[in-house]
Protein backbone atom coordinates (compact mmCIF):
# COMPACT_ATOMS: atom_id res chain seq x y z
CA MET A 1 -63.20 -17.61 -67.01
CA GLN A 2 -61.21 -20.81 -67.27
CA ALA A 3 -60.43 -22.97 -64.29
CA VAL A 4 -56.78 -22.88 -63.23
CA HIS A 5 -55.18 -26.35 -63.39
CA GLY A 6 -51.89 -27.99 -62.45
CA GLU A 7 -48.86 -25.74 -62.30
CA ALA A 8 -50.95 -22.59 -62.74
CA ALA A 9 -53.10 -23.58 -59.74
CA GLN A 10 -49.99 -24.14 -57.62
CA LEU A 11 -48.56 -20.80 -58.69
CA SER A 12 -51.87 -19.14 -57.96
CA ALA A 13 -51.98 -20.56 -54.46
CA LEU A 14 -48.33 -19.90 -53.68
CA THR A 15 -47.25 -16.71 -55.38
CA LEU A 16 -50.16 -14.69 -56.71
CA TYR A 17 -50.43 -11.31 -55.04
CA ASP A 18 -53.83 -10.57 -53.52
CA PRO A 19 -54.39 -6.84 -53.01
CA TRP A 20 -57.43 -7.49 -50.80
CA HIS A 21 -55.31 -9.65 -48.46
CA ASP A 22 -52.58 -7.01 -48.56
CA LEU A 23 -55.11 -4.32 -47.60
CA ALA A 24 -56.50 -6.48 -44.77
CA SER A 25 -52.97 -6.82 -43.37
CA ARG A 26 -52.72 -3.03 -43.03
CA PRO A 27 -55.14 -1.92 -40.31
CA GLU A 28 -53.64 1.58 -40.39
CA LEU A 29 -55.21 2.18 -43.82
CA THR A 30 -58.79 3.27 -44.42
CA TYR A 31 -60.53 1.93 -47.52
CA GLY A 32 -63.74 2.91 -49.23
CA ARG A 33 -65.68 2.64 -52.49
CA THR A 34 -67.22 5.79 -53.92
CA SER A 35 -67.85 7.54 -57.21
CA LEU A 36 -64.57 9.21 -58.17
CA PRO A 37 -64.23 12.24 -60.46
CA GLY A 38 -62.50 12.38 -63.80
CA GLY A 39 -62.46 8.68 -64.55
CA ALA A 40 -60.03 7.90 -61.74
CA GLY A 41 -60.06 4.22 -60.80
CA GLY A 42 -58.64 4.91 -57.38
CA LEU A 43 -57.01 7.55 -55.23
CA TRP A 44 -54.41 7.45 -52.44
CA PHE A 45 -54.71 10.12 -49.75
CA PRO A 46 -51.42 9.94 -47.82
CA ASP A 47 -52.40 12.58 -45.24
CA MET A 48 -55.43 10.51 -44.23
CA ARG A 49 -53.81 7.10 -44.90
CA ALA A 50 -56.88 6.33 -47.03
CA ILE A 51 -57.57 4.62 -50.34
CA ALA A 52 -60.72 5.23 -52.36
CA ILE A 53 -61.69 2.96 -55.26
CA ASP A 54 -64.31 3.98 -57.81
CA SER A 55 -67.62 2.26 -57.10
CA GLY A 56 -68.28 1.89 -60.82
CA LEU A 57 -65.41 -0.55 -61.31
CA GLY A 58 -66.05 -4.26 -61.61
CA TRP A 59 -64.09 -6.83 -59.62
CA ILE A 60 -61.08 -6.96 -61.96
CA GLY A 61 -60.87 -3.18 -62.32
CA ALA A 62 -61.16 -2.71 -58.55
CA ARG A 63 -58.50 -5.38 -57.95
CA CYS A 64 -56.07 -3.64 -60.30
CA ALA A 65 -56.89 -0.18 -58.91
CA LEU A 66 -56.35 -1.37 -55.33
CA ALA A 67 -53.00 -2.94 -56.25
CA HIS A 68 -52.04 0.37 -57.87
CA GLU A 69 -53.02 2.44 -54.82
CA LEU A 70 -51.21 0.06 -52.45
CA ALA A 71 -48.14 0.47 -54.65
CA HIS A 72 -48.36 4.23 -54.01
CA VAL A 73 -48.37 3.45 -50.28
CA ASP A 74 -45.32 1.19 -50.51
CA LEU A 75 -43.45 3.61 -52.75
CA GLN A 76 -44.18 6.35 -50.17
CA HIS A 77 -45.71 8.58 -52.81
CA SER A 78 -47.08 11.92 -51.77
CA GLN A 79 -50.26 13.38 -53.11
CA CYS A 80 -49.19 15.59 -55.99
CA ALA A 81 -51.65 18.24 -56.96
CA GLY A 82 -51.07 21.82 -57.87
CA HIS A 83 -49.87 23.94 -60.69
CA SER A 84 -46.23 24.40 -59.81
CA PRO A 85 -43.63 23.81 -62.51
CA GLY A 86 -42.90 20.11 -62.75
CA ALA A 87 -45.98 19.03 -60.76
CA LEU A 88 -47.55 17.26 -63.73
CA ARG A 89 -44.31 15.48 -64.63
CA PHE A 90 -43.85 14.44 -60.98
CA ALA A 91 -47.42 13.12 -60.82
CA GLN A 92 -46.99 11.20 -64.08
CA ARG A 93 -43.77 9.63 -62.80
CA GLN A 94 -45.48 8.52 -59.58
CA GLU A 95 -48.41 7.08 -61.54
CA ARG A 96 -46.09 5.13 -63.83
CA GLN A 97 -44.09 3.76 -60.89
CA ALA A 98 -47.24 2.64 -59.08
CA THR A 99 -48.70 1.05 -62.21
CA LEU A 100 -45.49 -0.87 -62.92
CA LEU A 101 -45.26 -2.15 -59.34
CA ALA A 102 -48.92 -3.20 -59.39
CA ALA A 103 -48.36 -5.02 -62.69
CA LYS A 104 -45.32 -6.87 -61.33
CA ARG A 105 -47.19 -7.87 -58.19
CA LEU A 106 -50.34 -9.02 -59.95
CA LEU A 107 -48.53 -10.69 -62.85
CA PRO A 108 -45.45 -12.67 -61.84
CA VAL A 109 -43.80 -13.87 -65.04
CA THR A 110 -44.16 -17.53 -64.03
CA PHE A 111 -47.91 -17.05 -63.72
CA ILE A 112 -48.09 -15.37 -67.13
CA ALA A 113 -46.04 -18.22 -68.63
CA ALA A 114 -48.43 -20.83 -67.20
CA HIS A 115 -51.29 -19.14 -69.09
CA PHE A 116 -49.33 -18.16 -72.19
CA ALA A 117 -49.95 -21.37 -74.14
CA GLU A 118 -53.67 -21.50 -73.28
CA ASP A 119 -54.75 -18.08 -74.54
CA VAL A 120 -54.32 -16.73 -78.04
CA TYR A 121 -55.82 -13.31 -77.41
CA LEU A 122 -54.49 -10.77 -74.94
CA ALA A 123 -58.02 -9.95 -73.76
CA ASP A 124 -58.67 -13.62 -72.96
CA MET A 125 -55.36 -13.94 -71.13
CA ALA A 126 -56.08 -10.80 -69.09
CA ALA A 127 -59.51 -12.14 -68.12
CA ASP A 128 -58.01 -15.48 -67.10
CA LEU A 129 -55.35 -13.69 -65.03
CA ASN A 130 -57.93 -11.38 -63.41
CA VAL A 131 -56.27 -8.18 -64.57
CA THR A 132 -57.13 -5.47 -67.06
CA GLU A 133 -55.85 -5.84 -70.59
CA TYR A 134 -53.96 -2.56 -70.12
CA LEU A 135 -52.06 -3.91 -67.10
CA LEU A 136 -51.18 -7.17 -68.87
CA ARG A 137 -50.01 -5.31 -71.98
CA LEU A 138 -47.85 -2.98 -69.86
CA ARG A 139 -46.35 -5.91 -67.95
CA LEU A 140 -45.47 -7.73 -71.17
CA GLN A 141 -43.94 -4.56 -72.64
CA THR A 142 -41.76 -3.99 -69.58
CA LEU A 143 -40.40 -7.50 -68.98
CA ASN A 144 -36.67 -7.54 -68.41
CA ASP A 145 -34.37 -9.88 -70.35
CA GLU A 146 -34.38 -12.55 -67.65
CA GLU A 147 -38.18 -12.53 -67.43
CA ARG A 148 -38.49 -12.81 -71.22
CA THR A 149 -36.60 -16.11 -71.17
CA VAL A 150 -39.40 -17.65 -69.08
CA LEU A 151 -42.08 -17.03 -71.72
CA PRO A 152 -42.47 -19.22 -74.79
CA VAL A 153 -41.53 -17.50 -78.04
CA ARG A 154 -44.74 -16.47 -79.78
CA GLY A 155 -46.87 -13.40 -80.15
CA CYS A 156 -50.26 -12.65 -78.69
CA ALA A 157 -53.09 -11.47 -80.88
CA ALA A 158 -54.61 -8.18 -79.80
């Protein structure tokens, strides 16, 4: 991983969201690492006010999963299981909302822009930004018009 210099270091210190710090500021939440079923990176249990993160995830995966689960908390998402009509669509909508909020928190556009010129490949940029490639790709795909003006005009190689 590259060292963060200059403007990127200042942005990192001032504006970069830290899900571990966020979790520590919420004593009402219970947190644990365990093996989760079905490839889930994390789970939010609203009835128990608990977050579980898969113990098989590395640091970056766990960081992204925790940001995602904390987004569920802040969006006041309910646990959505069951086989009722619309349950799957409802669950997918909640997952998308939580993923987008996590991506926005972990990847402020100014922080992406500070790394944009340094990295040619999306995978390298994701590693430098301490996020999964999936989360970075989603964030770049969902930038609004104002955010797009902050980034230099060029493409990233996959």
